[in-house]
C-alpha cells in the first residue's frame, strides 16, 4: 500500500487518471491516481503517486521489462496500543509480524511471530506502508538490518536477506458458503479472562473447515459482546470462527490447556494469542488485555 500520496485539488475525472501532476514551475511531481469523491467526479480530494516512486517503477521497467519487488516474507499489520504496551514501546508505532510466507527469509533469519518491526537499516518504521516502501524496491538478495521489539522491552537487530516477490498468480476463490453452525456444544467451556467460549477441534470440525494438520487448537464459538476479545477474535457469525493455537508460545489443544496457560496471568495483563482464521486460512497474532 502506498501511504505517502500527494493530496491535490487538481481535477481528476474518469479517463485522466495516470496523467501528470505538474507544479507551477512545469515540473512533473506526481502521477494522478485516484479521487475520494461523493459523486466520482472532480469535486473531492485528489491523490497522486509521488514522482520518486513513479521514477523507480519507470527505471525498473526500462531496465528489466517489469517491476521487481523485494520482500521480507512476512504477513504484517500496524501495531496496536496493546502490542506497543506488550513490548514496552512508549508510543503506538511499528509493524506487527503475524505470519510468514513459504520459505520466508525473515523466519530463517530469526524473526518470530509477534515481533514488532520498528526500524530497517536504522530508519524508523511507523506503519505498514512505510515498511513496504523501505523494502519493496531493494534488490532481491540484498541484506537489511531489521530491528524488532519483543516482550519485556527486548530489542534485537536481525540481518535478513531479501527475497524476490513472486509474480501474481490466480488463486482459487472460496465458495463463501461455509456452514456457520458448529454442530452442537460438546466440550464447550467459557474462558472469562478472555471473554470467550471455546471447544476442542474435533475430526468433524477439521473436515468441515479443511484444516491442515498443524492447525489444531480450540475453536471459538462465542465472543462476549464488549469483552476483552470483542472485535479482535472472530466467532462464526463475525468472520470466523477463529482457532486459538497458542497462548504466550504455549500450544493450546483443549479448553483445559487454555485455562492452564492463563493461570500465570491476571486481569489487566496483556497476553499474546496465535490464531488461525478458518475462512481466510491465515494465521495472525492478537494481543488481548485480560478482563475480570
Protein backbone atom coordinates (compact mmCIF):
# COMPACT_ATOMS: atom_id res chain seq x y z
CA UNK A 1 0.00 0.00 0.00
CA UNK A 2 1.18 3.47 -0.84
CA UNK A 3 0.66 5.70 2.18
CA UNK A 4 2.57 8.75 1.02
CA UNK A 5 0.26 10.01 -1.71
CA UNK A 6 0.35 13.68 -2.66
CA UNK A 7 -3.04 15.23 -1.94
CA UNK A 8 -4.09 17.63 -4.68
CA UNK A 9 -7.04 19.78 -5.72
CA UNK A 10 -6.25 19.19 -9.41
CA UNK A 11 -9.33 17.86 -11.21
CA UNK A 12 -9.26 14.07 -11.61
CA UNK A 13 -12.12 12.57 -13.62
CA UNK A 14 -12.70 9.13 -15.12
CA UNK A 15 -10.29 8.88 -18.05
CA UNK A 16 -7.49 11.19 -16.91
CA UNK A 17 -6.05 9.09 -14.09
CA UNK A 18 -2.42 8.41 -14.92
CA UNK A 19 -1.81 11.92 -16.17
CA UNK A 20 0.97 14.06 -14.71
CA UNK A 21 0.60 16.29 -11.68
CA UNK A 22 2.56 19.40 -12.66
CA UNK A 23 3.89 22.15 -10.43
CA UNK A 24 3.57 25.86 -11.30
CA UNK A 25 7.20 25.64 -12.49
CA UNK A 26 6.34 22.97 -15.06
CA UNK A 27 7.85 20.08 -13.10
CA UNK A 28 6.13 16.68 -13.09
CA UNK A 29 5.87 15.93 -9.35
CA UNK A 30 3.39 13.04 -9.39
CA UNK A 31 1.09 10.74 -11.33
CA UNK A 32 -2.61 11.42 -10.76
CA UNK A 33 -4.13 8.23 -9.46
CA UNK A 34 -7.42 8.45 -7.59
CA UNK A 35 -10.06 10.71 -6.10
CA UNK A 36 -12.18 10.46 -2.97
CA UNK A 37 -15.49 11.93 -4.02
CA UNK A 38 -19.19 11.65 -3.20
CA UNK A 39 -20.03 11.71 -6.93
CA UNK A 40 -16.92 10.18 -8.53
CA UNK A 41 -16.27 13.49 -10.28
CA UNK A 42 -13.61 16.10 -9.60
CA UNK A 43 -15.31 17.65 -6.55
CA UNK A 44 -13.32 15.84 -3.87
CA UNK A 45 -9.82 15.00 -2.68
CA UNK A 46 -7.37 14.02 -5.41
CA UNK A 47 -4.32 11.81 -4.86
CA UNK A 48 -1.15 11.44 -6.91
CA UNK A 49 1.65 8.89 -6.70
CA UNK A 50 4.88 10.78 -5.84
CA UNK A 51 7.30 11.12 -8.75
CA UNK A 52 10.12 9.48 -6.73
CA UNK A 53 8.10 6.25 -6.56
CA UNK A 54 6.95 6.54 -10.19
CA UNK A 55 10.58 7.03 -11.31
CA UNK A 56 11.67 3.84 -9.51
CA UNK A 57 8.95 1.91 -11.34
CA UNK A 58 9.93 3.51 -14.66
CA UNK A 59 13.62 2.71 -14.23
CA UNK A 60 12.88 -0.95 -13.45
CA UNK A 61 10.59 -1.33 -16.46
CA UNK A 62 13.24 0.19 -18.75
CA UNK A 63 16.00 -2.00 -17.31
CA UNK A 64 14.14 -5.29 -16.81
CA UNK A 65 10.87 -5.09 -18.71
CA UNK A 66 8.90 -5.45 -15.48
CA UNK A 67 8.83 -4.27 -11.89
CA UNK A 68 10.82 -6.37 -9.44
CA UNK A 69 9.89 -6.19 -5.78
CA UNK A 70 11.83 -7.46 -2.79
CA UNK A 71 10.25 -8.76 0.40
CA UNK A 72 10.99 -9.97 3.91
CA UNK A 73 8.47 -12.80 3.53
CA UNK A 74 6.18 -11.70 6.35
CA UNK A 75 2.47 -11.05 6.86
CA UNK A 76 2.05 -7.85 8.86
CA UNK A 77 -0.34 -5.27 10.26
CA UNK A 78 0.03 -1.98 12.10
CA UNK A 79 0.82 -2.36 15.80
CA UNK A 80 -1.98 -1.62 18.26
CA UNK A 81 -1.90 0.00 21.70
CA UNK A 82 -1.81 -3.46 23.30
CA UNK A 83 1.05 -4.52 21.01
CA UNK A 84 3.07 -1.44 21.97
CA UNK A 85 2.47 -1.99 25.70
CA UNK A 86 3.35 -5.68 25.40
CA UNK A 87 6.83 -4.97 24.02
CA UNK A 88 7.45 -1.83 26.09
CA UNK A 89 7.20 0.82 23.38
CA UNK A 90 6.46 4.30 24.77
CA UNK A 91 4.12 5.11 21.88
CA UNK A 92 2.00 3.23 19.34
CA UNK A 93 4.20 2.54 16.34
CA UNK A 94 5.79 -0.25 14.38
CA UNK A 95 4.55 -3.23 12.39
CA UNK A 96 3.36 -6.49 13.96
CA UNK A 97 4.63 -9.72 12.37
CA UNK A 98 1.60 -12.01 12.05
CA UNK A 99 2.90 -14.90 9.97
CA UNK A 100 5.40 -15.90 7.29
CA UNK A 101 5.25 -16.77 3.62
CA UNK A 102 6.53 -20.11 2.41
CA UNK A 103 10.34 -20.25 2.51
CA UNK A 104 10.41 -16.89 4.33
CA UNK A 105 13.89 -15.35 4.71
CA UNK A 106 12.70 -13.43 7.78
CA UNK A 107 11.76 -16.62 9.60
CA UNK A 108 15.05 -18.27 8.64
CA UNK A 109 16.96 -15.27 9.99
CA UNK A 110 15.24 -15.45 13.38
CA UNK A 111 12.28 -13.08 13.26
CA UNK A 112 9.37 -14.54 15.26
CA UNK A 113 5.57 -14.21 15.11
CA UNK A 114 4.56 -11.37 17.41
CA UNK A 115 7.74 -9.35 16.86
CA UNK A 116 7.21 -5.63 16.25
CA UNK A 117 9.40 -4.28 13.43
CA UNK A 118 10.46 -0.78 14.49
CA UNK A 119 13.32 0.01 12.08
CA UNK A 120 15.01 -1.13 8.87
CA UNK A 121 18.66 -0.20 8.38
CA UNK A 122 18.33 2.30 11.19
CA UNK A 123 15.33 4.10 9.64
CA UNK A 124 12.22 4.09 11.86
CA UNK A 125 9.19 2.06 10.73
CA UNK A 126 5.92 3.59 11.93
CA UNK A 127 3.33 1.73 9.81
CA UNK A 128 2.88 -0.99 7.17
CA UNK A 129 3.08 1.26 4.09
CA UNK A 130 6.38 2.69 5.32
CA UNK A 131 7.87 -0.79 5.76
CA UNK A 132 6.73 -1.79 2.27
CA UNK A 133 8.32 1.30 0.74
CA UNK A 134 11.60 0.80 2.60
CA UNK A 135 11.86 -2.83 1.48
CA UNK A 136 9.91 -3.13 -1.78
CA UNK A 137 12.37 -1.51 -4.18
CA UNK A 138 15.53 -3.05 -2.76
CA UNK A 139 17.22 -5.79 -4.75
CA UNK A 140 16.47 -9.43 -4.09
CA UNK A 141 19.45 -10.95 -2.27
CA UNK A 142 20.32 -7.67 -0.55
CA UNK A 143 20.71 -7.81 3.23
CA UNK A 144 18.85 -5.42 5.52
CA UNK A 145 19.11 -4.92 9.27
CA UNK A 146 15.67 -5.33 10.82
CA UNK A 147 15.22 -4.08 14.39
CA UNK A 148 12.42 -5.75 16.33
CA UNK A 149 10.85 -5.22 19.74
CA UNK A 150 9.83 -8.22 21.86
CA UNK A 151 8.06 -8.93 25.12
CA UNK A 152 9.52 -7.25 28.17
CA UNK A 153 11.34 -4.48 26.31
CA UNK A 154 13.78 -6.77 24.47
CA UNK A 155 15.28 -5.17 21.33
CA UNK A 156 17.08 -7.19 18.69
CA UNK A 157 18.61 -6.40 15.28
CA UNK A 158 18.46 -9.23 12.74
CA UNK A 159 20.12 -9.44 9.31
CA UNK A 160 17.62 -10.59 6.68
CA UNK A 161 18.48 -11.37 3.05
CA UNK A 162 15.54 -10.16 0.93
CA UNK A 163 13.73 -12.45 -1.49
CA UNK A 164 12.11 -11.53 -4.78
CA UNK A 165 8.34 -11.23 -4.71
CA UNK A 166 6.78 -13.94 -6.86
CA UNK A 167 4.72 -12.77 -9.82
CA UNK A 168 0.96 -12.66 -9.16
CA UNK A 169 -0.96 -15.83 -9.85
CA UNK A 170 -4.65 -16.68 -9.80
CA UNK A 171 -5.92 -18.18 -6.59
CA UNK A 172 -8.98 -20.38 -6.30
CA UNK A 173 -11.73 -18.46 -4.57
CA UNK A 174 -13.65 -19.98 -1.70
CA UNK A 175 -17.33 -20.69 -2.17
CA UNK A 176 -18.25 -18.39 0.71
CA UNK A 177 -20.91 -20.86 1.77
CA UNK A 178 -19.30 -22.34 4.89
CA UNK A 179 -21.86 -23.58 7.34
CA UNK A 180 -21.70 -21.38 10.44
CA UNK A 181 -23.30 -23.89 12.79
CA UNK A 182 -20.71 -25.90 14.67
CA UNK A 183 -22.94 -28.85 15.22
CA UNK A 184 -23.52 -28.84 18.96
CA UNK A 185 -21.67 -27.64 22.02
CA UNK A 186 -19.83 -30.74 23.18
CA UNK A 187 -16.82 -29.81 25.26
CA UNK A 188 -17.59 -26.07 25.24
CA UNK A 189 -16.01 -24.01 28.01
CA UNK A 190 -16.26 -20.36 28.99
CA UNK A 191 -12.93 -18.53 29.40
CA UNK A 192 -13.84 -15.43 31.39
CA UNK A 193 -10.44 -13.71 31.36
CA UNK A 194 -10.59 -13.62 27.56
CA UNK A 195 -14.35 -13.23 27.24
CA UNK A 196 -14.62 -16.30 25.01
CA UNK A 197 -16.42 -19.60 24.74
CA UNK A 198 -14.32 -22.32 23.10
CA UNK A 199 -14.46 -26.01 22.26
CA UNK A 200 -11.89 -28.57 21.05
CA UNK A 201 -11.28 -29.02 17.34
CA UNK A 202 -12.70 -32.47 16.67
CA UNK A 203 -12.50 -34.52 13.48
CA UNK A 204 -15.80 -33.14 12.24
CA UNK A 205 -14.61 -29.53 12.60
CA UNK A 206 -11.26 -30.39 10.98
CA UNK A 207 -13.09 -31.81 7.96
CA UNK A 208 -15.68 -29.00 7.80
CA UNK A 209 -13.07 -26.26 7.75
CA UNK A 210 -10.49 -28.26 5.74
CA UNK A 211 -7.86 -27.70 8.41
CA UNK A 212 -4.20 -28.58 7.82
CA UNK A 213 -2.73 -30.97 10.37
CA UNK A 214 -0.81 -28.16 12.11
CA UNK A 215 -3.92 -26.03 12.73
CA UNK A 216 -5.24 -27.73 15.84
CA UNK A 217 -6.30 -25.81 18.91
CA UNK A 218 -9.57 -24.58 20.41
CA UNK A 219 -12.41 -23.32 18.26
CA UNK A 220 -14.01 -20.01 19.27
CA UNK A 221 -17.78 -20.49 19.34
CA UNK A 222 -18.78 -17.22 21.04
CA UNK A 223 -17.23 -13.86 21.90
CA UNK A 224 -18.69 -11.87 24.79
CA UNK A 225 -20.02 -8.51 23.49
CA UNK A 226 -17.89 -5.73 24.95
CA UNK A 227 -15.48 -8.26 26.46
CA UNK A 228 -11.66 -8.33 26.20
CA UNK A 229 -11.66 -10.21 22.87
CA UNK A 230 -14.62 -8.41 21.30
CA UNK A 231 -13.65 -7.06 17.89
CA UNK A 232 -10.30 -8.87 17.99
CA UNK A 233 -11.26 -12.55 17.87
CA UNK A 234 -13.84 -13.87 15.39
CA UNK A 235 -16.77 -16.15 16.17
CA UNK A 236 -18.78 -17.99 13.47
CA UNK A 237 -21.11 -15.03 12.84
CA UNK A 238 -18.35 -12.42 12.54
CA UNK A 239 -15.82 -13.68 10.02
CA UNK A 240 -14.75 -16.83 11.80
CA UNK A 241 -14.60 -18.98 13.63
CA UNK A 242 -11.05 -18.40 14.79
CA UNK A 243 -8.94 -21.20 16.25
CA UNK A 244 -6.61 -20.34 19.14
CA UNK A 245 -3.34 -22.22 18.55
CA UNK A 246 -1.07 -20.79 21.25
CA UNK A 247 -1.10 -18.51 24.26
CA UNK A 248 2.27 -16.93 25.09
CA UNK A 249 4.00 -19.53 22.95
CA UNK A 250 2.32 -22.49 24.70
CA UNK A 251 0.36 -24.83 22.45
CA UNK A 252 -3.36 -24.96 23.21
CA UNK A 253 -5.09 -28.23 22.30
CA UNK A 254 -8.08 -28.07 24.64
CA UNK A 255 -10.03 -25.64 26.84
CA UNK A 256 -8.13 -27.11 29.81
CA UNK A 257 -4.82 -26.20 28.13
CA UNK A 258 -6.05 -22.66 27.62
CA UNK A 259 -7.13 -22.33 31.25
CA UNK A 260 -3.81 -23.75 32.44
CA UNK A 261 -1.85 -21.32 30.29
CA UNK A 262 -3.86 -18.42 31.74
CA UNK A 263 -3.13 -19.34 35.36
CA UNK A 264 0.04 -17.25 35.32
CA UNK A 265 -1.88 -14.10 34.40
CA UNK A 266 -4.47 -11.83 35.96
CA UNK A 267 -6.98 -9.18 34.91
CA UNK A 268 -5.23 -6.25 33.25
CA UNK A 269 -2.30 -8.30 31.91
CA UNK A 270 -1.74 -8.37 28.15
CA UNK A 271 -1.33 -11.81 26.61
CA UNK A 272 -0.31 -12.85 23.11
CA UNK A 273 -2.53 -15.28 21.17
CA UNK A 274 -1.56 -17.07 17.97
CA UNK A 275 -4.73 -17.56 15.95
CA UNK A 276 -5.81 -19.32 12.75
CA UNK A 277 -8.83 -17.99 10.85
CA UNK A 278 -10.86 -20.76 9.24
CA UNK A 279 -12.27 -18.54 6.47
CA UNK A 280 -9.19 -16.59 5.38
CA UNK A 281 -6.90 -19.60 6.03
CA UNK A 282 -4.32 -17.29 7.63
CA UNK A 283 -2.51 -17.14 10.96
CA UNK A 284 -2.07 -13.98 12.99
CA UNK A 285 -1.12 -12.59 16.40
CA UNK A 286 -3.62 -10.84 18.67
CA UNK A 287 -2.68 -9.08 21.89
CA UNK A 288 -5.56 -9.12 24.41
CA UNK A 289 -5.77 -7.24 27.70
CA UNK A 290 -7.42 -9.69 30.10
CA UNK A 291 -10.72 -8.74 31.74
CA UNK A 292 -12.21 -9.53 35.13
